[in-house]
Amino acid sequence: LKSMDRIRTIAIMMATSAAMLVSCGSSEEPNEGDTKTVKVGDAKIELVYVAPGNFRMGATAEQDGFDSFTELPAHDVQLTKGYWIAKTEVTQELWDEVMGNNPSDIKQYDGKEDATLPVMNITWNDAQEFVKKLSKKTGENFRLPTEAEWEYAARGAGKTFHLQYSGSKYLDRVACYRATSSGTPHPVGQYMPNELDMRDMNGNVSEWVEDNYETYRDTVEIDPCVKIGDAMEHVARGGSFISTTTECRTASREKYAPEFKAVTVGLRLAMDK
């Protein structure tokens, strides 16, 4: 019995030590939903942490009216690394602070200059140059989100599988789109957030992601990011202020040449932890 007691005591001590090690290590790790702010001159970037997780990407059951060619097959994705993603789209103020110019055609809202409007007329190549300069300026590792990271965040890190849009089944509540925009984008962050406090994931301006465009495959994807040489097309997500309800769905995809720019296209930032 004494021998059994000694073994039991040693086992408990080992388990306690392991728990202490896990606790000490995890105290330095962000938790899902944690936030951080990076200041760039007078502008700031508010980010939220998304922990690793699994989800079903593409035209899942609630995504009515989907484009069968671009959104099927729905498939399982595993994200093994956590990441930070900006709560809102890049503003004209932030772009000007980093690049020294404002390429946007629409700079006023409600009759007044408003630097919190999303930046627009951005090519994918422009976005890549921007994240390089921003990273150098801040010392952080900024980048575009991958397409899978974007959709996982839009789905509230797995909490909105039953919803067509990011945070609601009613698009009017979460998006500046054709029916709510009055023909112009709105300052970022005005609409209801999703479960991660992400805003404007639907509507306002479409957002470039890192990936080249490729059709989906019916396989389990682990940390997918399609990068194949000089791509003919890159992906933008979320729809814009002139988009329809169908075009703003969380699974909806757009594809453009890397030199394409329009008043409807901007970007959102991501950052490695």
Protein backbone atom coordinates (compact mmCIF):
# COMPACT_ATOMS: atom_id res chain seq x y z
CA LEU A 1 0.00 0.00 0.00
CA LYS A 2 2.84 2.36 0.86
CA SER A 3 4.36 1.63 -2.52
CA MET A 4 1.07 2.42 -4.24
CA ASP A 5 0.75 5.63 -2.23
CA ARG A 6 4.25 6.68 -3.28
CA ILE A 7 3.44 6.04 -6.96
CA ARG A 8 0.19 7.97 -6.65
CA THR A 9 1.99 10.88 -4.96
CA ILE A 10 4.69 11.00 -7.63
CA ALA A 11 2.03 10.94 -10.37
CA ILE A 12 0.19 13.84 -8.76
CA MET A 13 3.43 15.83 -8.43
CA MET A 14 4.27 15.20 -12.07
CA ALA A 15 0.80 16.27 -13.20
CA THR A 16 0.98 19.39 -11.07
CA SER A 17 4.40 20.30 -12.47
CA ALA A 18 3.14 19.78 -16.03
CA ALA A 19 0.12 21.95 -15.34
CA MET A 20 2.38 24.67 -13.96
CA LEU A 21 4.53 24.52 -17.09
CA VAL A 22 1.47 24.75 -19.33
CA SER A 23 0.15 27.63 -17.27
CA CYS A 24 3.44 29.50 -17.42
CA GLY A 25 3.72 28.98 -21.17
CA SER A 26 0.11 29.83 -21.93
CA SER A 27 0.26 33.08 -19.93
CA GLU A 28 2.33 34.52 -22.77
CA GLU A 29 -0.04 33.29 -25.44
CA PRO A 30 -2.94 35.51 -26.51
CA ASN A 31 -6.44 34.21 -25.94
CA GLU A 32 -9.07 34.28 -28.64
CA GLY A 33 -10.73 37.67 -28.65
CA ASP A 34 -7.75 39.47 -27.09
CA THR A 35 -7.08 42.84 -28.68
CA LYS A 36 -4.08 45.02 -29.37
CA THR A 37 -3.58 48.45 -30.90
CA VAL A 38 -0.72 49.56 -33.12
CA LYS A 39 -0.31 53.32 -33.56
CA VAL A 40 1.03 54.77 -36.79
CA GLY A 41 1.34 58.53 -36.46
CA ASP A 42 -2.16 59.86 -35.83
CA ALA A 43 -3.73 56.65 -37.14
CA LYS A 44 -4.21 53.41 -35.24
CA ILE A 45 -4.84 49.77 -36.09
CA GLU A 46 -7.06 47.77 -33.75
CA LEU A 47 -6.55 44.03 -34.04
CA VAL A 48 -8.21 40.97 -32.52
CA TYR A 49 -6.56 37.60 -31.95
CA VAL A 50 -7.98 34.50 -33.62
CA ALA A 51 -6.85 31.20 -32.11
CA PRO A 52 -6.19 28.07 -34.19
CA GLY A 53 -9.31 26.17 -35.16
CA ASN A 54 -11.24 24.12 -37.69
CA PHE A 55 -14.16 25.10 -39.88
CA ARG A 56 -16.04 24.28 -43.04
CA MET A 57 -15.22 26.77 -45.80
CA GLY A 58 -17.24 27.70 -48.86
CA ALA A 59 -20.90 27.17 -49.74
CA THR A 60 -22.10 25.65 -46.49
CA ALA A 61 -25.81 24.99 -45.99
CA GLU A 62 -26.85 28.52 -44.98
CA GLN A 63 -25.15 30.23 -47.93
CA ASP A 64 -28.25 30.46 -50.15
CA GLY A 65 -27.81 31.74 -53.70
CA PHE A 66 -24.19 30.68 -53.92
CA ASP A 67 -22.02 30.59 -57.01
CA SER A 68 -21.51 26.89 -57.60
CA PHE A 69 -18.35 27.40 -59.65
CA THR A 70 -16.38 29.54 -57.17
CA GLU A 71 -17.80 28.42 -53.80
CA LEU A 72 -18.06 24.64 -54.17
CA PRO A 73 -17.19 22.19 -52.94
CA ALA A 74 -17.50 23.22 -49.31
CA HIS A 75 -14.52 21.68 -47.55
CA ASP A 76 -12.89 21.33 -44.15
CA VAL A 77 -10.03 23.64 -43.21
CA GLN A 78 -7.63 23.37 -40.29
CA LEU A 79 -5.85 26.54 -39.15
CA THR A 80 -2.97 25.42 -36.94
CA LYS A 81 -1.58 28.88 -36.17
CA GLY A 82 -3.20 31.79 -34.39
CA TYR A 83 -3.14 35.23 -36.00
CA TRP A 84 -4.15 38.83 -35.46
CA ILE A 85 -6.60 40.47 -37.85
CA ALA A 86 -7.73 44.11 -38.00
CA LYS A 87 -11.22 44.85 -36.74
CA THR A 88 -11.87 47.21 -39.66
CA GLU A 89 -10.67 47.88 -43.16
CA VAL A 90 -7.61 50.07 -43.75
CA THR A 91 -8.69 53.70 -43.58
CA GLN A 92 -7.64 56.54 -45.83
CA GLU A 93 -5.91 58.11 -42.83
CA LEU A 94 -3.72 55.04 -42.26
CA TRP A 95 -2.89 54.65 -45.95
CA ASP A 96 -1.86 58.30 -46.22
CA GLU A 97 0.25 58.02 -43.05
CA VAL A 98 2.23 55.11 -44.53
CA MET A 99 2.24 55.85 -48.27
CA GLY A 100 2.04 59.65 -48.30
CA ASN A 101 -0.96 59.73 -50.64
CA ASN A 102 -4.66 58.95 -50.78
CA PRO A 103 -5.73 57.24 -54.02
CA SER A 104 -9.43 57.14 -53.05
CA ASP A 105 -12.04 58.69 -55.34
CA ILE A 106 -14.52 59.17 -52.50
CA LYS A 107 -13.10 61.21 -49.62
CA GLN A 108 -16.25 62.75 -48.19
CA TYR A 109 -19.07 61.36 -46.13
CA ASP A 110 -22.23 63.29 -45.37
CA GLY A 111 -20.75 66.32 -47.12
CA LYS A 112 -17.52 66.43 -45.09
CA GLU A 113 -13.98 65.11 -45.51
CA ASP A 114 -13.68 61.92 -43.48
CA ALA A 115 -10.33 60.14 -43.19
CA THR A 116 -12.00 57.14 -41.52
CA LEU A 117 -13.54 56.08 -44.81
CA PRO A 118 -11.94 52.90 -46.16
CA VAL A 119 -9.14 53.42 -48.63
CA MET A 120 -10.10 52.37 -52.17
CA ASN A 121 -8.62 52.13 -55.68
CA ILE A 122 -6.03 49.71 -54.31
CA THR A 123 -4.50 47.00 -56.48
CA TRP A 124 -3.24 43.74 -54.98
CA ASN A 125 0.27 44.90 -55.85
CA ASP A 126 -0.37 48.20 -54.02
CA ALA A 127 -1.53 46.24 -50.97
CA GLN A 128 1.69 44.24 -50.95
CA GLU A 129 3.78 47.41 -51.06
CA PHE A 130 1.69 48.91 -48.28
CA VAL A 131 2.17 46.00 -45.87
CA LYS A 132 5.93 46.05 -46.48
CA LYS A 133 6.19 49.75 -45.67
CA LEU A 134 3.84 49.45 -42.71
CA SER A 135 5.85 46.54 -41.29
CA LYS A 136 9.09 48.48 -41.63
CA LYS A 137 7.54 51.57 -40.04
CA THR A 138 6.08 49.72 -37.04
CA GLY A 139 8.46 46.80 -36.58
CA GLU A 140 5.50 44.42 -36.78
CA ASN A 141 4.94 41.64 -39.32
CA PHE A 142 1.86 42.90 -41.14
CA ARG A 143 0.44 41.09 -44.17
CA LEU A 144 -2.84 40.38 -45.91
CA PRO A 145 -4.94 37.62 -44.38
CA THR A 146 -5.13 34.37 -46.27
CA GLU A 147 -8.51 33.59 -47.77
CA ALA A 148 -9.13 30.90 -45.15
CA GLU A 149 -8.13 33.22 -42.30
CA TRP A 150 -10.45 35.89 -43.66
CA GLU A 151 -13.45 33.54 -43.86
CA TYR A 152 -12.78 31.99 -40.45
CA ALA A 153 -12.69 35.45 -38.85
CA ALA A 154 -15.82 36.48 -40.79
CA ARG A 155 -17.56 33.40 -39.39
CA GLY A 156 -16.67 34.52 -35.87
CA ALA A 157 -14.06 31.77 -35.48
CA GLY A 158 -16.69 29.08 -35.97
CA LYS A 159 -19.54 30.78 -34.15
CA THR A 160 -21.61 31.88 -37.16
CA PHE A 161 -21.96 28.76 -39.30
CA HIS A 162 -25.73 29.18 -39.23
CA LEU A 163 -25.60 32.74 -40.63
CA GLN A 164 -25.20 34.01 -44.19
CA TYR A 165 -23.37 37.15 -43.07
CA SER A 166 -20.70 38.01 -40.55
CA GLY A 167 -22.53 38.30 -37.24
CA SER A 168 -26.15 38.36 -38.44
CA LYS A 169 -28.67 36.80 -40.78
CA TYR A 170 -29.83 40.36 -41.56
CA LEU A 171 -27.37 42.15 -43.84
CA ASP A 172 -28.77 45.62 -43.05
CA ARG A 173 -27.42 45.28 -39.51
CA VAL A 174 -23.83 44.50 -40.43
CA ALA A 175 -23.06 46.00 -43.83
CA CYS A 176 -22.89 49.08 -45.99
CA TYR A 177 -24.18 47.55 -49.23
CA ARG A 178 -26.43 48.50 -52.14
CA ALA A 179 -29.57 48.96 -50.03
CA THR A 180 -27.94 50.91 -47.18
CA SER A 181 -25.05 52.81 -48.77
CA SER A 182 -26.78 55.60 -50.73
CA GLY A 183 -24.09 54.98 -53.34
CA THR A 184 -21.07 55.67 -51.16
CA PRO A 185 -18.93 53.75 -48.66
CA HIS A 186 -19.33 54.58 -44.98
CA PRO A 187 -16.68 55.33 -42.34
CA VAL A 188 -15.35 52.04 -40.97
CA GLY A 189 -16.84 50.43 -37.88
CA GLN A 190 -20.34 51.89 -38.01
CA TYR A 191 -22.23 48.61 -38.24
CA MET A 192 -22.86 45.81 -35.77
CA PRO A 193 -19.82 43.56 -35.14
CA ASN A 194 -19.64 39.79 -35.23
CA GLU A 195 -18.66 37.56 -32.28
CA LEU A 196 -14.98 38.59 -32.59
CA ASP A 197 -15.84 42.31 -32.76
CA MET A 198 -14.97 42.27 -36.46
CA ARG A 199 -16.74 44.95 -38.48
CA ASP A 200 -17.49 45.56 -42.17
CA MET A 201 -16.58 42.02 -43.17
CA ASN A 202 -19.55 42.31 -45.53
CA GLY A 203 -19.95 45.36 -47.75
CA ASN A 204 -18.22 48.78 -47.70
CA VAL A 205 -15.21 47.77 -49.83
CA SER A 206 -14.12 44.36 -51.04
CA GLU A 207 -10.92 43.23 -49.34
CA TRP A 208 -7.87 41.74 -51.00
CA VAL A 209 -6.54 38.54 -49.45
CA GLU A 210 -3.15 36.95 -49.93
CA ASP A 211 -4.20 34.05 -52.15
CA ASN A 212 -4.14 33.55 -55.87
CA TYR A 213 -7.55 32.49 -57.13
CA GLU A 214 -8.07 28.75 -57.44
CA THR A 215 -11.19 26.59 -57.47
CA TYR A 216 -11.87 24.67 -54.27
CA ARG A 217 -11.11 20.98 -53.83
CA ASP A 218 -13.01 18.41 -51.79
CA THR A 219 -10.13 17.69 -49.44
CA VAL A 220 -9.12 18.72 -45.94
CA GLU A 221 -6.90 21.80 -46.25
CA ILE A 222 -4.30 22.63 -43.59
CA ASP A 223 -3.30 26.32 -43.39
CA PRO A 224 -4.13 26.84 -47.07
CA CYS A 225 -2.72 29.77 -49.03
CA VAL A 226 -2.59 29.46 -52.79
CA LYS A 227 0.60 31.05 -54.12
CA ILE A 228 1.56 29.96 -57.62
CA GLY A 229 4.13 32.19 -59.28
CA ASP A 230 2.82 35.27 -61.06
CA ALA A 231 -0.90 34.73 -60.68
CA MET A 232 -3.35 35.92 -63.30
CA GLU A 233 -6.00 36.52 -60.61
CA HIS A 234 -6.13 37.21 -56.89
CA VAL A 235 -9.05 36.92 -54.50
CA ALA A 236 -11.06 39.71 -52.86
CA ARG A 237 -13.71 38.99 -50.26
CA GLY A 238 -16.76 40.52 -48.60
CA GLY A 239 -18.53 42.53 -51.28
CA SER A 240 -18.79 46.32 -51.39
CA PHE A 241 -21.13 49.28 -51.00
CA ILE A 242 -22.67 48.57 -54.41
CA SER A 243 -22.99 44.80 -53.92
CA THR A 244 -26.20 42.82 -53.60
CA THR A 245 -27.16 40.59 -50.69
CA THR A 246 -25.91 37.57 -52.62
CA GLU A 247 -22.56 39.19 -53.39
CA CYS A 248 -22.05 40.12 -49.72
CA ARG A 249 -22.47 36.62 -48.31
CA THR A 250 -19.58 35.38 -46.19
CA ALA A 251 -18.69 32.65 -48.70
CA SER A 252 -18.82 34.90 -51.76
CA ARG A 253 -15.58 35.28 -53.73
CA GLU A 254 -14.34 37.78 -56.28
CA LYS A 255 -11.28 37.43 -58.51
CA TYR A 256 -9.29 40.17 -60.18
CA ALA A 257 -5.95 40.69 -61.87
CA PRO A 258 -3.27 41.94 -59.43
CA GLU A 259 -3.22 45.28 -61.31
CA PHE A 260 -6.99 45.74 -61.03
CA LYS A 261 -8.24 48.68 -59.01
CA ALA A 262 -11.68 50.15 -58.43
CA VAL A 263 -13.56 52.41 -56.08
CA THR A 264 -15.05 49.25 -54.56
CA VAL A 265 -11.79 47.52 -53.59
CA GLY A 266 -9.61 48.04 -50.51
CA LEU A 267 -7.97 45.83 -47.90
CA ARG A 268 -7.85 44.57 -44.32
CA LEU A 269 -4.68 43.75 -42.40
CA ALA A 270 -3.50 40.61 -40.65
CA MET A 271 -0.43 40.04 -38.52
CA ASP A 272 1.37 36.99 -37.19
CA LYS A 273 1.32 36.59 -33.42
